[in-house]
Amino acid sequence: MIIEALLAFTFAAALLVFAVPNKYAHKLAFGLSLVPIAGSLYMWSAFETGGNALTGGQIAFETVAPWLEIAGYQLQWYVGVDGISLPLVVLTTFLTALAIMSAWTPIQDRQSQFYGLMLLMEANLIGVFTALDFFVWFIFWEAVLVPMYFLIGVWGGPRRKYAAIKFFVYTNIASLVMFIAFMALVFSLPVETFGLPEITQSLAAGELTSFYGLPADTLALVVFAAMFVGFAVKVPVVPVHTWLPDAHVEAPTPASVMLAGVLLKMGTYALLRFNFTMLPEQASVFAIPIGIIAVVSVIYGAMLALAQTDLKRIVAYSSVSSMGYVILGLIAFTEFGMGGATFQMVAHGLISGLMFMAVGVIYNATHTRIVDDMSGLADRMPVAVWILVAGAFAYMGLPLMAGFAGEFFIFVGSFGSTALPYAPVFTALAMFGIVIVAGYLLLAMQKTLFGPFRLETDYELTRAPLHDIAPLVALLGAIILLGVAPSLFFDMILDATVPILELGGGL
């Protein structure tokens, strides 16, 4: 019952923070956010690898209880984790606590509501990564949108309402497309439940039938394509990425940390769970188009970042590029490709969180994010600046950092892929994206951090306070730890991804 306790406590913590006076909200929210970290780390320490939850493997911390019966289908409270979902649960709890700590300086108004929404979002994210019944999962999936909408729309920048509405409309329409496609799939299977393991195993047994005259093979292709589009918007990949830069630029720093660090991983996690686990044969049919989308996202996202003058937009477009690597690893359909893609979800969550947090610290001090307005910050804010430099090198794939491990696994897996035609070409093109990443990050750092100080302000620019630096140090430590010892997560990830390959004949 550890998952239920984790969810109940986080929801209760959110309600409690909503109710307290503003002056107590920050410290109370941070203190309460440490409990889910402890719970997730306990789950990690007690976890015993046992395969993939959807393909018949062992499900850790599993709970199944009847809920509702609708039109002959049994809805269940069905939760549990495996080696794919548990690392993302740990990432969620860790980033939430650090994001709450980083909000001390920028959030001065309506603090109770802000921190309550942060904890509410954390609870729903934990639900997304642990739910194994489709309806339970979908409720959590949609509920995540609500707190993020208000975090952007209330505490965001000048164009916050536009960005919040655009974020909500894009992701909600995508969810509708995915929902309709998945319902068509379920109604064509001889199952009486929405349990994801049961649906996956029914599909693996070849029990899919026609749907309103549509042959089973065609239905599977249509469902795969529709679900891919629905999840790709959440990732996001080119060309459905345009909501992301607007949301990041207008969102307050803590919300940007959660958006890039965890919410984007909902899309890649869902692609792995639904598309590549349930419909592996259809994935091979779409291998070349998906590979093209992955490579275009890597290179186009990096080129867009190169053209930006706002530090937050640079990091935002970097996320589009990084998610392209994840898609490439998934479609490679190899042990290291799929395992590396899952590891990269965690690595990118930590690195993007660090970058957004560091940019936020600089903005708190300078009140600008425009590259051309700043210079020589290294002398005035040495600790924050050098942590930002370390984060940038992690983005570039510096060895002994988590980003290198994730990208290395993906490239090794994709280069030798037999599921992806012309795999070496796709891999080489994606690797070229690292050169562009290094170009725009080094250029941005050179302009803003080094050289003579020329920022025009009517106040003295001083070192960042401890409560701004502490979460940066914690994130950098986690990035180095996973870079030095990737097996902390990678072994359990491989244990859960290899059964997917066996299911699709990918080994």
Protein backbone atom coordinates (compact mmCIF):
# COMPACT_ATOMS: atom_id res chain seq x y z
CA MET A 1 0.00 0.00 0.00
CA ILE A 2 3.04 2.30 -0.28
CA ILE A 3 1.77 3.84 -3.52
CA GLU A 4 -1.62 4.64 -2.00
CA ALA A 5 0.09 6.13 1.07
CA LEU A 6 2.32 8.24 -1.19
CA LEU A 7 -0.66 9.52 -3.20
CA ALA A 8 -2.84 10.14 -0.14
CA PHE A 9 -0.12 12.01 1.71
CA THR A 10 0.72 14.23 -1.26
CA PHE A 11 -2.93 15.11 -1.92
CA ALA A 12 -3.43 15.83 1.80
CA ALA A 13 -0.27 17.94 1.86
CA ALA A 14 -1.59 19.99 -1.07
CA LEU A 15 -4.89 20.63 0.73
CA LEU A 16 -3.07 21.59 3.92
CA VAL A 17 -0.82 24.07 2.14
CA PHE A 18 -3.84 25.60 0.39
CA ALA A 19 -5.31 26.30 3.84
CA VAL A 20 -2.34 27.85 5.67
CA PRO A 21 -1.42 31.58 5.62
CA ASN A 22 0.98 32.68 2.90
CA LYS A 23 3.87 33.35 5.27
CA TYR A 24 4.00 29.66 6.30
CA ALA A 25 3.30 28.13 2.89
CA HIS A 26 6.83 27.87 1.48
CA LYS A 27 8.53 26.19 4.42
CA LEU A 28 5.57 23.92 5.07
CA ALA A 29 5.35 22.85 1.42
CA PHE A 30 9.07 22.13 1.26
CA GLY A 31 8.98 20.13 4.48
CA LEU A 32 6.00 18.10 3.32
CA SER A 33 7.61 17.49 -0.09
CA LEU A 34 10.47 15.64 1.60
CA VAL A 35 8.13 12.84 2.66
CA PRO A 36 7.34 11.68 -0.92
CA ILE A 37 11.10 11.69 -1.61
CA ALA A 38 11.60 9.36 1.34
CA GLY A 39 8.73 7.16 0.13
CA SER A 40 10.06 6.91 -3.43
CA LEU A 41 13.60 6.16 -2.22
CA TYR A 42 12.19 3.42 0.02
CA MET A 43 10.45 1.94 -3.02
CA TRP A 44 13.73 2.12 -4.96
CA SER A 45 15.70 0.45 -2.15
CA ALA A 46 13.12 -2.33 -1.70
CA PHE A 47 12.52 -2.88 -5.42
CA GLU A 48 13.40 -6.26 -6.87
CA THR A 49 13.62 -6.45 -10.64
CA GLY A 50 10.98 -8.66 -12.19
CA GLY A 51 10.42 -7.74 -15.84
CA ASN A 52 7.82 -5.49 -17.40
CA ALA A 53 4.49 -4.79 -15.68
CA LEU A 54 2.51 -4.93 -18.94
CA THR A 55 4.01 -8.07 -20.46
CA GLY A 56 3.39 -10.47 -17.60
CA GLY A 57 6.34 -9.59 -15.42
CA GLN A 58 6.34 -9.00 -11.70
CA ILE A 59 4.60 -5.80 -10.58
CA ALA A 60 6.16 -4.23 -7.50
CA PHE A 61 3.95 -2.67 -4.79
CA GLU A 62 0.87 -3.86 -6.68
CA THR A 63 -2.69 -3.17 -5.57
CA VAL A 64 -5.82 -4.32 -7.44
CA ALA A 65 -9.31 -3.51 -6.19
CA PRO A 66 -12.68 -3.38 -8.03
CA TRP A 67 -14.04 0.10 -8.58
CA LEU A 68 -16.93 0.47 -11.06
CA GLU A 69 -18.61 -1.68 -13.68
CA ILE A 70 -19.67 0.16 -16.83
CA ALA A 71 -21.22 -1.52 -19.90
CA GLY A 72 -19.71 -4.86 -18.99
CA TYR A 73 -16.22 -3.46 -18.35
CA GLN A 74 -14.70 -3.61 -14.89
CA LEU A 75 -12.89 -0.45 -13.83
CA GLN A 76 -10.26 -1.12 -11.17
CA TRP A 77 -8.01 0.73 -8.79
CA TYR A 78 -4.88 -0.85 -10.21
CA VAL A 79 -1.44 0.55 -9.37
CA GLY A 80 2.13 -0.74 -9.30
CA VAL A 81 5.60 -0.05 -10.65
CA ASP A 82 8.35 -1.73 -12.61
CA GLY A 83 11.82 -0.70 -13.77
CA ILE A 84 10.40 1.82 -16.24
CA SER A 85 8.03 3.71 -13.97
CA LEU A 86 9.94 3.66 -10.66
CA PRO A 87 12.83 5.90 -11.83
CA LEU A 88 10.27 8.43 -13.03
CA VAL A 89 8.50 8.36 -9.66
CA VAL A 90 11.82 9.10 -7.93
CA LEU A 91 12.52 11.89 -10.45
CA THR A 92 9.09 13.43 -9.79
CA THR A 93 9.45 13.57 -6.02
CA PHE A 94 13.05 14.83 -6.18
CA LEU A 95 12.36 17.62 -8.68
CA THR A 96 9.19 18.75 -6.93
CA ALA A 97 10.98 19.35 -3.63
CA LEU A 98 13.80 21.27 -5.33
CA ALA A 99 11.38 23.29 -7.46
CA ILE A 100 9.48 24.28 -4.31
CA MET A 101 12.73 25.39 -2.67
CA SER A 102 13.69 27.43 -5.75
CA ALA A 103 10.36 29.30 -5.61
CA TRP A 104 11.29 31.20 -2.43
CA THR A 105 12.66 34.26 -4.30
CA PRO A 106 10.43 34.56 -7.41
CA ILE A 107 7.04 33.73 -5.82
CA GLN A 108 5.86 36.50 -3.51
CA ASP A 109 2.10 36.58 -4.16
CA ARG A 110 -0.59 34.02 -3.30
CA GLN A 111 2.01 31.61 -2.01
CA SER A 112 -0.42 29.16 -0.43
CA GLN A 113 -2.17 28.61 -3.74
CA PHE A 114 1.11 28.32 -5.65
CA TYR A 115 2.68 25.70 -3.40
CA GLY A 116 -0.61 23.84 -3.05
CA LEU A 117 -0.80 23.54 -6.84
CA MET A 118 2.79 22.31 -7.00
CA LEU A 119 2.02 19.50 -4.55
CA LEU A 120 -1.26 18.71 -6.33
CA MET A 121 0.64 18.37 -9.60
CA GLU A 122 3.17 16.08 -7.91
CA ALA A 123 0.40 13.78 -6.68
CA ASN A 124 -1.11 13.50 -10.15
CA LEU A 125 2.29 12.86 -11.73
CA ILE A 126 2.91 10.00 -9.31
CA GLY A 127 -0.50 8.65 -10.35
CA VAL A 128 0.42 8.79 -14.05
CA PHE A 129 3.58 6.75 -13.50
CA THR A 130 1.99 4.15 -11.20
CA ALA A 131 -1.54 3.60 -12.62
CA LEU A 132 -2.07 0.32 -14.50
CA ASP A 133 -5.79 0.70 -15.28
CA PHE A 134 -6.43 2.93 -18.27
CA PHE A 135 -9.23 4.97 -16.70
CA VAL A 136 -7.31 5.57 -13.49
CA TRP A 137 -4.28 6.49 -15.57
CA PHE A 138 -6.32 8.83 -17.80
CA ILE A 139 -7.81 10.65 -14.80
CA PHE A 140 -4.33 11.37 -13.46
CA TRP A 141 -3.09 12.21 -16.98
CA GLU A 142 -5.74 14.89 -17.47
CA ALA A 143 -5.59 16.15 -13.87
CA VAL A 144 -1.93 17.14 -14.32
CA LEU A 145 -3.04 19.81 -16.81
CA VAL A 146 -5.11 21.72 -14.27
CA PRO A 147 -2.41 22.83 -11.79
CA MET A 148 0.05 23.58 -14.60
CA TYR A 149 -2.57 25.71 -16.37
CA PHE A 150 -3.04 27.84 -13.26
CA LEU A 151 0.69 27.98 -12.46
CA ILE A 152 1.33 29.49 -15.89
CA GLY A 153 -1.85 31.56 -16.12
CA VAL A 154 -1.65 33.19 -12.66
CA TRP A 155 2.07 33.48 -11.86
CA GLY A 156 3.47 33.68 -15.39
CA GLY A 157 4.84 36.52 -17.48
CA PRO A 158 3.09 39.23 -19.53
CA ARG A 159 1.63 36.75 -22.07
CA ARG A 160 0.76 34.15 -19.46
CA LYS A 161 -2.92 33.78 -20.38
CA TYR A 162 -2.13 33.13 -24.02
CA ALA A 163 0.58 30.61 -23.13
CA ALA A 164 -1.63 28.82 -20.59
CA ILE A 165 -4.57 28.51 -22.98
CA LYS A 166 -2.32 27.34 -25.82
CA PHE A 167 -0.75 24.72 -23.56
CA PHE A 168 -4.15 23.50 -22.39
CA VAL A 169 -5.78 23.41 -25.83
CA TYR A 170 -2.88 21.61 -27.55
CA THR A 171 -2.50 18.93 -24.90
CA ASN A 172 -6.23 18.47 -24.34
CA ILE A 173 -7.00 17.96 -28.03
CA ALA A 174 -4.10 15.51 -28.23
CA SER A 175 -5.52 13.61 -25.26
CA LEU A 176 -8.91 13.39 -26.98
CA VAL A 177 -7.35 11.89 -30.11
CA MET A 178 -5.46 9.36 -28.02
CA PHE A 179 -8.53 8.48 -25.93
CA ILE A 180 -10.74 7.77 -28.96
CA ALA A 181 -8.06 5.60 -30.55
CA PHE A 182 -7.49 3.59 -27.39
CA MET A 183 -11.21 3.03 -26.87
CA ALA A 184 -11.51 1.66 -30.41
CA LEU A 185 -8.66 -0.72 -29.58
CA VAL A 186 -10.23 -1.95 -26.34
CA PHE A 187 -13.66 -2.45 -27.92
CA SER A 188 -12.03 -4.74 -30.50
CA LEU A 189 -10.50 -7.04 -27.88
CA PRO A 190 -12.17 -9.84 -25.86
CA VAL A 191 -11.31 -8.19 -22.54
CA GLU A 192 -13.65 -7.13 -19.75
CA THR A 193 -11.28 -4.73 -18.04
CA PHE A 194 -9.22 -1.63 -18.80
CA GLY A 195 -6.17 -3.09 -17.07
CA LEU A 196 -3.13 -2.27 -19.18
CA PRO A 197 -1.45 -5.68 -18.59
CA GLU A 198 -4.58 -7.55 -19.70
CA ILE A 199 -4.93 -5.41 -22.84
CA THR A 200 -1.24 -5.81 -23.72
CA GLN A 201 -1.31 -9.58 -23.32
CA SER A 202 -4.54 -9.87 -25.33
CA LEU A 203 -2.92 -7.94 -28.18
CA ALA A 204 0.19 -10.12 -27.96
CA ALA A 205 -2.02 -13.21 -28.27
CA GLY A 206 -3.42 -11.88 -31.57
CA GLU A 207 -6.97 -11.44 -30.27
CA LEU A 208 -7.64 -8.09 -31.99
CA THR A 209 -10.77 -8.23 -34.20
CA SER A 210 -12.27 -5.90 -36.78
CA PHE A 211 -13.94 -2.66 -35.73
CA TYR A 212 -17.03 -1.51 -37.68
CA GLY A 213 -15.74 -3.26 -40.80
CA LEU A 214 -12.17 -2.02 -40.37
CA PRO A 215 -9.79 -5.02 -40.54
CA ALA A 216 -7.75 -5.74 -37.43
CA ASP A 217 -4.41 -5.00 -39.11
CA THR A 218 -5.63 -1.65 -40.43
CA LEU A 219 -7.23 -0.80 -37.08
CA ALA A 220 -3.94 -1.45 -35.30
CA LEU A 221 -2.09 0.87 -37.69
CA VAL A 222 -4.70 3.63 -37.32
CA VAL A 223 -4.70 3.32 -33.52
CA PHE A 224 -0.89 3.39 -33.39
CA ALA A 225 -0.77 6.53 -35.55
CA ALA A 226 -3.50 8.31 -33.56
CA MET A 227 -1.94 7.48 -30.20
CA PHE A 228 1.48 8.52 -31.47
CA VAL A 229 0.14 11.92 -32.51
CA GLY A 230 -1.64 12.32 -29.16
CA PHE A 231 1.48 11.55 -27.14
CA ALA A 232 3.87 13.38 -29.50
CA VAL A 233 2.16 16.67 -28.65
CA LYS A 234 2.97 16.12 -24.98
CA VAL A 235 6.62 15.17 -25.68
CA PRO A 236 6.73 17.43 -27.85
CA VAL A 237 8.34 16.72 -31.20
CA VAL A 238 8.42 18.72 -34.42
CA PRO A 239 6.01 19.91 -35.82
CA VAL A 240 3.67 19.88 -32.78
CA HIS A 241 6.14 21.64 -30.48
CA THR A 242 5.07 25.27 -30.79
CA TRP A 243 3.21 25.41 -27.46
CA LEU A 244 6.36 24.55 -25.49
CA PRO A 245 8.51 27.70 -25.90
CA ASP A 246 5.54 29.95 -25.10
CA ALA A 247 4.70 27.93 -21.99
CA HIS A 248 8.31 27.93 -20.77
CA VAL A 249 8.95 31.61 -21.36
CA GLU A 250 5.80 32.72 -19.56
CA ALA A 251 5.84 30.13 -16.75
CA PRO A 252 7.50 30.96 -13.43
CA THR A 253 10.81 29.15 -12.93
CA PRO A 254 9.51 26.35 -10.63
CA ALA A 255 6.76 25.54 -13.12
CA SER A 256 9.29 25.48 -15.98
CA VAL A 257 11.40 23.04 -13.96
CA MET A 258 8.44 20.68 -13.57
CA LEU A 259 7.25 21.15 -17.15
CA ALA A 260 10.61 20.27 -18.72
CA GLY A 261 11.76 17.89 -16.01
CA VAL A 262 8.67 15.70 -15.60
CA LEU A 263 5.62 16.69 -17.69
CA LEU A 264 7.42 16.16 -21.01
CA LYS A 265 8.36 12.67 -19.80
CA MET A 266 4.66 11.84 -19.58
CA GLY A 267 4.60 11.82 -23.39
CA THR A 268 7.65 9.61 -23.87
CA TYR A 269 6.57 7.31 -21.02
CA ALA A 270 3.13 6.91 -22.63
CA LEU A 271 4.69 6.22 -26.05
CA LEU A 272 6.79 3.46 -24.50
CA ARG A 273 3.88 1.99 -22.51
CA PHE A 274 1.17 2.17 -25.17
CA ASN A 275 2.65 2.38 -28.67
CA PHE A 276 5.89 0.43 -28.37
CA THR A 277 4.76 -2.14 -25.80
CA MET A 278 1.21 -2.82 -26.98
CA LEU A 279 1.73 -2.45 -30.75
CA PRO A 280 5.38 -3.31 -31.51
CA GLU A 281 4.65 -4.69 -34.99
CA GLN A 282 2.96 -1.46 -36.01
CA ALA A 283 5.96 0.47 -34.69
CA SER A 284 8.15 -1.31 -37.22
CA VAL A 285 5.78 -0.25 -40.03
CA PHE A 286 6.18 3.39 -39.04
CA ALA A 287 9.90 3.08 -38.28
CA ILE A 288 11.20 5.38 -41.02
CA PRO A 289 8.64 8.21 -40.48
CA ILE A 290 9.25 8.10 -36.71
CA GLY A 291 13.00 8.05 -37.24
CA ILE A 292 12.69 11.13 -39.47
CA ILE A 293 10.59 12.90 -36.82
CA ALA A 294 13.24 12.06 -34.21
CA VAL A 295 16.16 13.37 -36.25
CA VAL A 296 14.31 16.48 -37.42
CA SER A 297 13.37 17.22 -33.81
CA VAL A 298 17.02 16.88 -32.75
CA ILE A 299 18.44 19.13 -35.46
CA TYR A 300 15.56 21.59 -35.93
CA GLY A 301 15.15 22.07 -32.17
CA ALA A 302 18.89 22.75 -31.86
CA MET A 303 18.84 25.19 -34.79
CA LEU A 304 15.90 27.06 -33.26
CA ALA A 305 17.79 27.28 -29.97
CA LEU A 306 20.80 28.68 -31.84
CA ALA A 307 18.64 31.52 -33.17
CA GLN A 308 17.21 32.62 -29.77
CA THR A 309 18.29 35.58 -27.66
CA ASP A 310 16.23 34.69 -24.55
CA LEU A 311 18.00 32.23 -22.23
CA LYS A 312 14.73 30.52 -21.35
CA ARG A 313 13.82 30.01 -25.00
CA ILE A 314 17.26 28.53 -25.63
CA VAL A 315 16.73 25.93 -22.91
CA ALA A 316 13.12 25.34 -24.05
CA TYR A 317 14.13 24.48 -27.61
CA SER A 318 16.92 22.32 -26.19
CA SER A 319 14.19 20.14 -24.70
CA VAL A 320 12.68 19.57 -28.16
CA SER A 321 16.10 18.46 -29.37
CA SER A 322 16.70 16.17 -26.38
CA MET A 323 13.31 14.50 -26.72
CA GLY A 324 14.23 13.69 -30.31
CA TYR A 325 17.01 11.46 -28.93
CA VAL A 326 14.46 9.64 -26.77
CA ILE A 327 12.21 8.97 -29.78
CA LEU A 328 15.21 7.69 -31.76
CA GLY A 329 16.09 5.27 -28.96
CA LEU A 330 12.53 3.97 -28.77
CA ILE A 331 12.13 3.36 -32.49
CA ALA A 332 15.53 1.64 -32.67
CA PHE A 333 13.87 -1.20 -30.75
CA THR A 334 17.10 -2.58 -29.32
CA GLU A 335 18.17 -3.30 -25.76
CA PHE A 336 20.38 -0.26 -25.43
CA GLY A 337 18.19 1.94 -27.62
CA MET A 338 15.01 1.48 -25.62
CA GLY A 339 16.84 1.26 -22.29
CA GLY A 340 18.88 4.35 -23.15
CA ALA A 341 15.73 6.26 -24.12
CA THR A 342 14.19 5.50 -20.73
CA PHE A 343 17.41 6.47 -18.94
CA GLN A 344 17.56 9.67 -20.98
CA MET A 345 14.10 10.61 -19.69
CA VAL A 346 15.54 10.73 -16.17
CA ALA A 347 18.83 12.34 -17.24
CA HIS A 348 17.09 15.08 -19.22
CA GLY A 349 14.68 15.68 -16.37
CA LEU A 350 17.59 16.45 -14.05
CA ILE A 351 19.62 18.48 -16.57
CA SER A 352 16.73 20.57 -17.90
CA GLY A 353 15.60 21.21 -14.33
CA LEU A 354 19.09 22.43 -13.46
CA MET A 355 19.28 24.69 -16.52
CA PHE A 356 15.88 26.30 -15.97
CA MET A 357 16.62 26.75 -12.28
CA ALA A 358 20.00 28.35 -12.97
CA VAL A 359 18.49 30.69 -15.57
CA GLY A 360 15.84 31.58 -13.00
CA VAL A 361 18.51 32.45 -10.40
CA ILE A 362 20.23 34.75 -12.90
CA TYR A 363 16.91 36.34 -13.82
CA ASN A 364 16.07 36.93 -10.15
CA ALA A 365 19.29 38.92 -9.84
CA THR A 366 19.42 40.70 -13.20
CA HIS A 367 15.69 40.95 -14.11
CA THR A 368 16.53 40.05 -17.70
CA ARG A 369 17.00 36.89 -19.72
CA ILE A 370 18.15 38.56 -22.94
CA VAL A 371 21.62 37.38 -23.91
CA ASP A 372 22.67 40.69 -25.48
CA ASP A 373 21.80 42.61 -22.30
CA MET A 374 24.22 40.69 -20.07
CA SER A 375 27.96 40.17 -19.84
CA GLY A 376 30.52 39.37 -17.16
CA LEU A 377 28.17 37.69 -14.69
CA ALA A 378 30.84 35.16 -13.68
CA ASP A 379 32.59 37.72 -11.48
CA ARG A 380 29.39 38.82 -9.72
CA MET A 381 27.58 35.48 -9.29
CA PRO A 382 30.38 32.89 -9.43
CA VAL A 383 28.64 29.88 -7.84
CA ALA A 384 25.40 30.15 -9.84
CA VAL A 385 27.32 30.83 -13.05
CA TRP A 386 29.66 27.87 -12.73
CA ILE A 387 26.79 25.54 -11.92
CA LEU A 388 25.07 26.83 -15.07
CA VAL A 389 28.26 26.08 -17.01
CA ALA A 390 28.32 22.55 -15.55
CA GLY A 391 24.69 22.07 -16.55
CA ALA A 392 25.44 23.25 -20.08
CA PHE A 393 28.28 20.72 -20.37
CA ALA A 394 25.91 18.03 -19.10
CA TYR A 395 23.53 18.99 -21.93
CA MET A 396 26.43 18.64 -24.38
CA GLY A 397 27.06 15.10 -23.15
CA LEU A 398 30.17 15.55 -21.04
CA PRO A 399 31.43 12.12 -19.84
CA LEU A 400 30.72 11.19 -16.21
CA MET A 401 27.45 13.12 -16.35
CA ALA A 402 23.98 11.65 -16.83
CA GLY A 403 23.47 13.20 -20.27
CA PHE A 404 26.48 11.39 -21.69
CA ALA A 405 25.30 8.02 -20.38
CA GLY A 406 21.80 8.44 -21.82
CA GLU A 407 22.95 9.61 -25.25
CA PHE A 408 25.71 6.98 -25.42
CA PHE A 409 23.24 4.18 -24.71
CA ILE A 410 20.86 5.55 -27.35
CA PHE A 411 23.54 5.89 -30.03
CA VAL A 412 24.93 2.40 -29.36
CA GLY A 413 21.41 0.98 -29.54
CA SER A 414 20.27 2.89 -32.61
CA PHE A 415 23.42 2.40 -34.70
CA GLY A 416 23.05 -1.38 -34.79
CA SER A 417 19.26 -1.44 -35.02
CA THR A 418 17.63 -3.86 -37.46
CA ALA A 419 14.12 -2.54 -36.78
CA LEU A 420 15.02 0.93 -38.12
CA PRO A 421 16.11 0.92 -41.81
CA TYR A 422 19.20 3.03 -42.51
CA ALA A 423 19.85 3.11 -38.76
CA PRO A 424 23.51 4.26 -39.08
CA VAL A 425 22.39 7.25 -41.16
CA PHE A 426 19.73 8.28 -38.65
CA THR A 427 22.24 7.86 -35.82
CA ALA A 428 24.93 9.93 -37.54
CA LEU A 429 22.49 12.75 -38.25
CA ALA A 430 21.29 12.73 -34.65
CA MET A 431 24.86 12.79 -33.36
CA PHE A 432 25.48 15.92 -35.43
CA GLY A 433 22.88 17.61 -33.26
CA ILE A 434 25.38 17.50 -30.38
CA VAL A 435 27.64 19.84 -32.37
CA ILE A 436 24.82 22.36 -32.73
CA VAL A 437 23.96 22.00 -29.03
CA ALA A 438 27.55 22.79 -28.11
CA GLY A 439 27.50 25.77 -30.48
CA TYR A 440 24.47 27.56 -29.07
CA LEU A 441 25.24 26.81 -25.42
CA LEU A 442 28.86 27.91 -25.66
CA LEU A 443 27.81 31.04 -27.56
CA ALA A 444 25.15 31.93 -24.98
CA MET A 445 27.58 31.38 -22.08
CA GLN A 446 30.31 33.42 -23.72
CA LYS A 447 27.98 36.39 -24.19
CA THR A 448 26.28 36.34 -20.79
CA LEU A 449 28.81 34.98 -18.33
CA PHE A 450 32.22 36.17 -19.43
CA GLY A 451 33.87 39.38 -20.60
CA PRO A 452 33.48 42.84 -19.04
CA PHE A 453 30.45 43.46 -16.84
CA ARG A 454 28.03 45.79 -18.63
CA LEU A 455 24.58 45.09 -17.21
CA GLU A 456 22.87 48.40 -16.52
CA THR A 457 21.06 48.27 -13.19
CA ASP A 458 20.25 50.73 -10.42
CA TYR A 459 21.22 48.20 -7.72
CA GLU A 460 24.29 46.14 -6.83
CA LEU A 461 24.46 42.64 -8.30
CA THR A 462 25.55 40.21 -5.58
CA ARG A 463 25.98 36.49 -5.03
CA ALA A 464 22.84 34.35 -5.17
CA PRO A 465 21.36 33.44 -1.76
CA LEU A 466 21.82 29.98 -0.28
CA HIS A 467 18.19 28.91 -0.83
CA ASP A 468 18.70 29.53 -4.58
CA ILE A 469 22.04 27.73 -4.76
CA ALA A 470 21.14 24.65 -2.66
CA PRO A 471 18.73 23.07 -5.19
CA LEU A 472 21.25 23.70 -7.99
CA VAL A 473 23.95 21.87 -6.05
CA ALA A 474 21.57 18.97 -5.33
CA LEU A 475 20.63 18.64 -9.00
CA LEU A 476 24.24 18.83 -10.16
CA GLY A 477 25.17 16.15 -7.62
CA ALA A 478 22.39 13.86 -8.93
CA ILE A 479 23.53 14.43 -12.55
CA ILE A 480 27.10 13.47 -11.70
CA LEU A 481 25.97 10.51 -9.59
CA LEU A 482 23.94 9.01 -12.45
CA GLY A 483 26.76 9.76 -14.87
CA VAL A 484 29.31 7.94 -12.74
CA ALA A 485 26.97 5.10 -11.69
CA PRO A 486 24.19 4.78 -14.31
CA SER A 487 23.49 1.26 -13.06
CA LEU A 488 21.58 2.82 -10.14
CA PHE A 489 18.66 3.02 -12.59
CA PHE A 490 19.85 1.41 -15.81
CA ASP A 491 19.83 -2.19 -14.57
CA MET A 492 16.18 -2.03 -13.50
CA ILE A 493 15.33 -0.19 -16.72
CA LEU A 494 16.87 -2.93 -18.88
CA ASP A 495 15.04 -5.57 -16.89
CA ALA A 496 11.75 -3.91 -17.82
CA THR A 497 12.52 -3.00 -21.44
CA VAL A 498 14.01 -6.30 -22.66
CA PRO A 499 10.60 -8.09 -22.38
CA ILE A 500 9.17 -5.47 -24.77
CA LEU A 501 11.80 -6.43 -27.34
CA GLU A 502 11.04 -10.11 -26.87
CA LEU A 503 7.33 -9.38 -27.28
CA GLY A 504 7.99 -7.64 -30.60
CA GLY A 505 10.69 -9.98 -31.79
CA GLY A 506 13.25 -7.18 -31.57
CA LEU A 507 16.14 -9.23 -30.11
